[in-house]
Amino acid sequence: MMKVKEVRDLTAQELNTKLGELKKDLFNLRLQHATNQLDNPLKIAEVKRDIARVKTVLREKELAAKS
């Protein structure tokens, strides 16, 4: 689980890279869940929250750049 402070310290390029990694992780977790190989289903929700954090910070940086 990523902290908001950690996310805010990353650059926009790093955030986009992290977002791609998190989406791949989410896909793999869903695949494992569908095949009953996932030990901790709460991990899916945790990754979803991390994706939301990254998207939020990306949007904040985008809006800050416009103004």
PDB file of N, CA and C in Angstrom:
ATOM      1  N   MET A   1       0.845  -1.174   0.000  1.00  0.00           N
ATOM      2  CA  MET A   1       0.000   0.000   0.000  1.00  0.00           C
ATOM      3  C   MET A   1       0.889   1.236   0.000  1.00  0.00           C
ATOM      4  N   MET A   2       0.572   2.138  -0.898  1.00  0.00           N
ATOM      5  CA  MET A   2       1.364   3.354  -1.025  1.00  0.00           C
ATOM      6  C   MET A   2       0.747   4.467  -0.177  1.00  0.00           C
ATOM      7  N   LYS A   3       1.598   5.257   0.397  1.00  0.00           N
ATOM      8  CA  LYS A   3       1.134   6.431   1.140  1.00  0.00           C
ATOM      9  C   LYS A   3       0.976   7.587   0.164  1.00  0.00           C
ATOM     10  N   VAL A   4       0.076   8.507   0.478  1.00  0.00           N
ATOM     11  CA  VAL A   4      -0.180   9.649  -0.401  1.00  0.00           C
ATOM     12  C   VAL A   4       1.080  10.499  -0.539  1.00  0.00           C
ATOM     13  N   LYS A   5       1.829  10.649   0.534  1.00  0.00           N
ATOM     14  CA  LYS A   5       3.056  11.445   0.476  1.00  0.00           C
ATOM     15  C   LYS A   5       4.047  10.841  -0.515  1.00  0.00           C
ATOM     16  N   GLU A   6       4.161   9.519  -0.513  1.00  0.00           N
ATOM     17  CA  GLU A   6       5.054   8.846  -1.460  1.00  0.00           C
ATOM     18  C   GLU A   6       4.612   9.116  -2.901  1.00  0.00           C
ATOM     19  N   VAL A   7       3.321   9.091  -3.131  1.00  0.00           N
ATOM     20  CA  VAL A   7       2.791   9.298  -4.481  1.00  0.00           C
ATOM     21  C   VAL A   7       3.041  10.734  -4.927  1.00  0.00           C
ATOM     22  N   ARG A   8       2.844  11.680  -4.039  1.00  0.00           N
ATOM     23  CA  ARG A   8       3.026  13.090  -4.396  1.00  0.00           C
ATOM     24  C   ARG A   8       4.483  13.437  -4.714  1.00  0.00           C
ATOM     25  N   ASP A   9       5.414  12.671  -4.181  1.00  0.00           N
ATOM     26  CA  ASP A   9       6.831  12.926  -4.420  1.00  0.00           C
ATOM     27  C   ASP A   9       7.292  12.471  -5.804  1.00  0.00           C
ATOM     28  N   LEU A  10       6.482  11.649  -6.484  1.00  0.00           N
ATOM     29  CA  LEU A  10       6.855  11.132  -7.799  1.00  0.00           C
ATOM     30  C   LEU A  10       6.549  12.152  -8.899  1.00  0.00           C
ATOM     31  N   THR A  11       7.297  12.070  -9.991  1.00  0.00           N
ATOM     32  CA  THR A  11       7.030  12.944 -11.142  1.00  0.00           C
ATOM     33  C   THR A  11       5.868  12.357 -11.938  1.00  0.00           C
ATOM     34  N   ALA A  12       5.354  13.131 -12.891  1.00  0.00           N
ATOM     35  CA  ALA A  12       4.228  12.685 -13.708  1.00  0.00           C
ATOM     36  C   ALA A  12       4.601  11.433 -14.497  1.00  0.00           C
ATOM     37  N   GLN A  13       5.816  11.395 -15.018  1.00  0.00           N
ATOM     38  CA  GLN A  13       6.258  10.219 -15.786  1.00  0.00           C
ATOM     39  C   GLN A  13       6.331   8.981 -14.889  1.00  0.00           C
ATOM     40  N   GLU A  14       6.860   9.146 -13.694  1.00  0.00           N
ATOM     41  CA  GLU A  14       6.939   8.031 -12.752  1.00  0.00           C
ATOM     42  C   GLU A  14       5.540   7.561 -12.346  1.00  0.00           C
ATOM     43  N   LEU A  15       4.615   8.517 -12.204  1.00  0.00           N
ATOM     44  CA  LEU A  15       3.243   8.167 -11.842  1.00  0.00           C
ATOM     45  C   LEU A  15       2.587   7.353 -12.956  1.00  0.00           C
ATOM     46  N   ASN A  16       2.813   7.744 -14.201  1.00  0.00           N
ATOM     47  CA  ASN A  16       2.246   6.986 -15.317  1.00  0.00           C
ATOM     48  C   ASN A  16       2.814   5.573 -15.370  1.00  0.00           C
ATOM     49  N   THR A  17       4.098   5.442 -15.100  1.00  0.00           N
ATOM     50  CA  THR A  17       4.722   4.122 -15.061  1.00  0.00           C
ATOM     51  C   THR A  17       4.131   3.289 -13.927  1.00  0.00           C
ATOM     52  N   LYS A  18       3.993   3.901 -12.771  1.00  0.00           N
ATOM     53  CA  LYS A  18       3.429   3.209 -11.605  1.00  0.00           C
ATOM     54  C   LYS A  18       1.990   2.780 -11.873  1.00  0.00           C
ATOM     55  N   LEU A  19       1.233   3.635 -12.560  1.00  0.00           N
ATOM     56  CA  LEU A  19      -0.149   3.322 -12.889  1.00  0.00           C
ATOM     57  C   LEU A  19      -0.217   2.081 -13.783  1.00  0.00           C
ATOM     58  N   GLY A  20       0.661   2.000 -14.756  1.00  0.00           N
ATOM     59  CA  GLY A  20       0.709   0.824 -15.622  1.00  0.00           C
ATOM     60  C   GLY A  20       1.030  -0.439 -14.841  1.00  0.00           C
ATOM     61  N   GLU A  21       1.981  -0.336 -13.931  1.00  0.00           N
ATOM     62  CA  GLU A  21       2.350  -1.490 -13.106  1.00  0.00           C
ATOM     63  C   GLU A  21       1.181  -1.938 -12.231  1.00  0.00           C
ATOM     64  N   LEU A  22       0.492  -0.971 -11.636  1.00  0.00           N
ATOM     65  CA  LEU A  22      -0.637  -1.303 -10.764  1.00  0.00           C
ATOM     66  C   LEU A  22      -1.769  -1.951 -11.551  1.00  0.00           C
ATOM     67  N   LYS A  23      -2.013  -1.492 -12.763  1.00  0.00           N
ATOM     68  CA  LYS A  23      -3.072  -2.089 -13.582  1.00  0.00           C
ATOM     69  C   LYS A  23      -2.713  -3.528 -13.958  1.00  0.00           C
ATOM     70  N   LYS A  24      -1.435  -3.784 -14.231  1.00  0.00           N
ATOM     71  CA  LYS A  24      -1.001  -5.159 -14.512  1.00  0.00           C
ATOM     72  C   LYS A  24      -1.183  -6.027 -13.274  1.00  0.00           C
ATOM     73  N   ASP A  25      -0.814  -5.487 -12.109  1.00  0.00           N
ATOM     74  CA  ASP A  25      -0.992  -6.229 -10.859  1.00  0.00           C
ATOM     75  C   ASP A  25      -2.462  -6.567 -10.632  1.00  0.00           C
ATOM     76  N   LEU A  26      -3.342  -5.596 -10.873  1.00  0.00           N
ATOM     77  CA  LEU A  26      -4.777  -5.813 -10.677  1.00  0.00           C
ATOM     78  C   LEU A  26      -5.276  -6.906 -11.611  1.00  0.00           C
ATOM     79  N   PHE A  27      -4.837  -6.875 -12.855  1.00  0.00           N
ATOM     80  CA  PHE A  27      -5.232  -7.913 -13.811  1.00  0.00           C
ATOM     81  C   PHE A  27      -4.798  -9.290 -13.316  1.00  0.00           C
ATOM     82  N   ASN A  28      -3.544  -9.387 -12.880  1.00  0.00           N
ATOM     83  CA  ASN A  28      -3.030 -10.673 -12.398  1.00  0.00           C
ATOM     84  C   ASN A  28      -3.766 -11.153 -11.149  1.00  0.00           C
ATOM     85  N   LEU A  29      -4.097 -10.213 -10.257  1.00  0.00           N
ATOM     86  CA  LEU A  29      -4.840 -10.588  -9.048  1.00  0.00           C
ATOM     87  C   LEU A  29      -6.234 -11.093  -9.403  1.00  0.00           C
ATOM     88  N   ARG A  30      -6.887 -10.431 -10.356  1.00  0.00           N
ATOM     89  CA  ARG A  30      -8.222 -10.878 -10.771  1.00  0.00           C
ATOM     90  C   ARG A  30      -8.157 -12.252 -11.426  1.00  0.00           C
ATOM     91  N   LEU A  31      -7.110 -12.491 -12.195  1.00  0.00           N
ATOM     92  CA  LEU A  31      -6.930 -13.788 -12.836  1.00  0.00           C
ATOM     93  C   LEU A  31      -6.728 -14.869 -11.774  1.00  0.00           C
ATOM     94  N   GLN A  32      -5.894 -14.584 -10.788  1.00  0.00           N
ATOM     95  CA  GLN A  32      -5.663 -15.546  -9.707  1.00  0.00           C
ATOM     96  C   GLN A  32      -6.948 -15.800  -8.926  1.00  0.00           C
ATOM     97  N   HIS A  33      -7.732 -14.733  -8.704  1.00  0.00           N
ATOM     98  CA  HIS A  33      -8.978 -14.864  -7.965  1.00  0.00           C
ATOM     99  C   HIS A  33      -9.966 -15.743  -8.732  1.00  0.00           C
ATOM    100  N   ALA A  34     -10.014 -15.571 -10.048  1.00  0.00           N
ATOM    101  CA  ALA A  34     -10.931 -16.352 -10.872  1.00  0.00           C
ATOM    102  C   ALA A  34     -10.555 -17.828 -10.896  1.00  0.00           C
ATOM    103  N   THR A  35      -9.278 -18.112 -10.764  1.00  0.00           N
ATOM    104  CA  THR A  35      -8.823 -19.500 -10.784  1.00  0.00           C
ATOM    105  C   THR A  35      -8.599 -20.060  -9.377  1.00  0.00           C
ATOM    106  N   ASN A  36      -9.102 -19.360  -8.385  1.00  0.00           N
ATOM    107  CA  ASN A  36      -9.015 -19.782  -6.974  1.00  0.00           C
ATOM    108  C   ASN A  36      -7.583 -19.988  -6.495  1.00  0.00           C
ATOM    109  N   GLN A  37      -6.660 -19.152  -6.962  1.00  0.00           N
ATOM    110  CA  GLN A  37      -5.271 -19.252  -6.522  1.00  0.00           C
ATOM    111  C   GLN A  37      -4.875 -18.069  -5.638  1.00  0.00           C
ATOM    112  N   LEU A  38      -5.795 -17.148  -5.406  1.00  0.00           N
ATOM    113  CA  LEU A  38      -5.486 -15.950  -4.630  1.00  0.00           C
ATOM    114  C   LEU A  38      -5.649 -16.225  -3.139  1.00  0.00           C
ATOM    115  N   ASP A  39      -4.592 -15.971  -2.375  1.00  0.00           N
ATOM    116  CA  ASP A  39      -4.625 -16.218  -0.935  1.00  0.00           C
ATOM    117  C   ASP A  39      -5.393 -15.130  -0.192  1.00  0.00           C
ATOM    118  N   ASN A  40      -5.177 -13.867  -0.589  1.00  0.00           N
ATOM    119  CA  ASN A  40      -5.772 -12.750   0.128  1.00  0.00           C
ATOM    120  C   ASN A  40      -6.581 -11.874  -0.831  1.00  0.00           C
ATOM    121  N   PRO A  41      -7.898 -12.056  -0.905  1.00  0.00           N
ATOM    122  CA  PRO A  41      -8.724 -11.278  -1.830  1.00  0.00           C
ATOM    123  C   PRO A  41      -8.757  -9.778  -1.495  1.00  0.00           C
ATOM    124  N   LEU A  42      -8.386  -9.406  -0.292  1.00  0.00           N
ATOM    125  CA  LEU A  42      -8.368  -7.988   0.068  1.00  0.00           C
ATOM    126  C   LEU A  42      -7.273  -7.238  -0.678  1.00  0.00           C
ATOM    127  N   LYS A  43      -6.314  -7.957  -1.224  1.00  0.00           N
ATOM    128  CA  LYS A  43      -5.232  -7.354  -1.998  1.00  0.00           C
ATOM    129  C   LYS A  43      -5.796  -6.633  -3.234  1.00  0.00           C
ATOM    130  N   ILE A  44      -6.889  -7.155  -3.802  1.00  0.00           N
ATOM    131  CA  ILE A  44      -7.516  -6.525  -4.972  1.00  0.00           C
ATOM    132  C   ILE A  44      -7.990  -5.117  -4.612  1.00  0.00           C
ATOM    133  N   ALA A  45      -8.657  -4.974  -3.490  1.00  0.00           N
ATOM    134  CA  ALA A  45      -9.155  -3.667  -3.058  1.00  0.00           C
ATOM    135  C   ALA A  45      -7.995  -2.717  -2.768  1.00  0.00           C
ATOM    136  N   GLU A  46      -6.923  -3.246  -2.206  1.00  0.00           N
ATOM    137  CA  GLU A  46      -5.755  -2.420  -1.889  1.00  0.00           C
ATOM    138  C   GLU A  46      -5.127  -1.852  -3.177  1.00  0.00           C
ATOM    139  N   VAL A  47      -5.012  -2.686  -4.196  1.00  0.00           N
ATOM    140  CA  VAL A  47      -4.439  -2.234  -5.464  1.00  0.00           C
ATOM    141  C   VAL A  47      -5.363  -1.216  -6.126  1.00  0.00           C
ATOM    142  N   LYS A  48      -6.668  -1.435  -6.028  1.00  0.00           N
ATOM    143  CA  LYS A  48      -7.621  -0.468  -6.592  1.00  0.00           C
ATOM    144  C   LYS A  48      -7.467   0.899  -5.925  1.00  0.00           C
ATOM    145  N   ARG A  49      -7.277   0.913  -4.620  1.00  0.00           N
ATOM    146  CA  ARG A  49      -7.084   2.177  -3.897  1.00  0.00           C
ATOM    147  C   ARG A  49      -5.797   2.864  -4.329  1.00  0.00           C
ATOM    148  N   ASP A  50      -4.740   2.077  -4.530  1.00  0.00           N
ATOM    149  CA  ASP A  50      -3.473   2.646  -4.996  1.00  0.00           C
ATOM    150  C   ASP A  50      -3.639   3.264  -6.383  1.00  0.00           C
ATOM    151  N   ILE A  51      -4.389   2.602  -7.254  1.00  0.00           N
ATOM    152  CA  ILE A  51      -4.656   3.149  -8.588  1.00  0.00           C
ATOM    153  C   ILE A  51      -5.392   4.475  -8.463  1.00  0.00           C
ATOM    154  N   ALA A  52      -6.376   4.528  -7.586  1.00  0.00           N
ATOM    155  CA  ALA A  52      -7.140   5.760  -7.387  1.00  0.00           C
ATOM    156  C   ALA A  52      -6.244   6.878  -6.853  1.00  0.00           C
ATOM    157  N   ARG A  53      -5.339   6.557  -5.945  1.00  0.00           N
ATOM    158  CA  ARG A  53      -4.413   7.558  -5.406  1.00  0.00           C
ATOM    159  C   ARG A  53      -3.534   8.133  -6.512  1.00  0.00           C
ATOM    160  N   VAL A  54      -2.996   7.247  -7.339  1.00  0.00           N
ATOM    161  CA  VAL A  54      -2.110   7.687  -8.418  1.00  0.00           C
ATOM    162  C   VAL A  54      -2.871   8.557  -9.409  1.00  0.00           C
ATOM    163  N   LYS A  55      -4.081   8.141  -9.773  1.00  0.00           N
ATOM    164  CA  LYS A  55      -4.885   8.923 -10.718  1.00  0.00           C
ATOM    165  C   LYS A  55      -5.236  10.290 -10.142  1.00  0.00           C
ATOM    166  N   THR A  56      -5.542  10.338  -8.862  1.00  0.00           N
ATOM    167  CA  THR A  56      -5.881  11.602  -8.215  1.00  0.00           C
ATOM    168  C   THR A  56      -4.708  12.572  -8.244  1.00  0.00           C
ATOM    169  N   VAL A  57      -3.532  12.090  -7.903  1.00  0.00           N
ATOM    170  CA  VAL A  57      -2.344  12.947  -7.883  1.00  0.00           C
ATOM    171  C   VAL A  57      -1.980  13.380  -9.301  1.00  0.00           C
ATOM    172  N   LEU A  58      -2.131  12.488 -10.273  1.00  0.00           N
ATOM    173  CA  LEU A  58      -1.877  12.861 -11.667  1.00  0.00           C
ATOM    174  C   LEU A  58      -2.803  13.994 -12.098  1.00  0.00           C
ATOM    175  N   ARG A  59      -4.051  13.884 -11.730  1.00  0.00           N
ATOM    176  CA  ARG A  59      -5.027  14.920 -12.086  1.00  0.00           C
ATOM    177  C   ARG A  59      -4.687  16.241 -11.393  1.00  0.00           C
ATOM    178  N   GLU A  60      -4.292  16.179 -10.135  1.00  0.00           N
ATOM    179  CA  GLU A  60      -3.897  17.398  -9.421  1.00  0.00           C
ATOM    180  C   GLU A  60      -2.716  18.068 -10.100  1.00  0.00           C
ATOM    181  N   LYS A  61      -1.732  17.286 -10.511  1.00  0.00           N
ATOM    182  CA  LYS A  61      -0.561  17.848 -11.189  1.00  0.00           C
ATOM    183  C   LYS A  61      -0.943  18.451 -12.535  1.00  0.00           C
ATOM    184  N   GLU A  62      -1.877  17.805 -13.232  1.00  0.00           N
ATOM    185  CA  GLU A  62      -2.355  18.309 -14.522  1.00  0.00           C
ATOM    186  C   GLU A  62      -3.054  19.655 -14.355  1.00  0.00           C
ATOM    187  N   LEU A  63      -3.887  19.763 -13.349  1.00  0.00           N
ATOM    188  CA  LEU A  63      -4.608  21.014 -13.101  1.00  0.00           C
ATOM    189  C   LEU A  63      -3.649  22.119 -12.636  1.00  0.00           C
ATOM    190  N   ALA A  64      -2.651  21.756 -11.847  1.00  0.00           N
ATOM    191  CA  ALA A  64      -1.677  22.735 -11.374  1.00  0.00           C
ATOM    192  C   ALA A  64      -0.847  23.287 -12.536  1.00  0.00           C
ATOM    193  N   ALA A  65      -0.573  22.432 -13.519  1.00  0.00           N
ATOM    194  CA  ALA A  65       0.216  22.859 -14.681  1.00  0.00           C
ATOM    195  C   ALA A  65      -0.576  23.832 -15.564  1.00  0.00           C
ATOM    196  N   LYS A  66      -1.899  23.660 -15.598  1.00  0.00           N
ATOM    197  CA  LYS A  66      -2.734  24.526 -16.439  1.00  0.00           C
ATOM    198  C   LYS A  66      -2.854  25.932 -15.852  1.00  0.00           C
ATOM    199  N   SER A  67      -2.858  26.030 -14.541  1.00  0.00           N
ATOM    200  CA  SER A  67      -3.053  27.354 -13.925  1.00  0.00           C
ATOM    201  C   SER A  67      -1.764  28.039 -13.566  1.00  0.00           C
TER     202      SER A  67
END
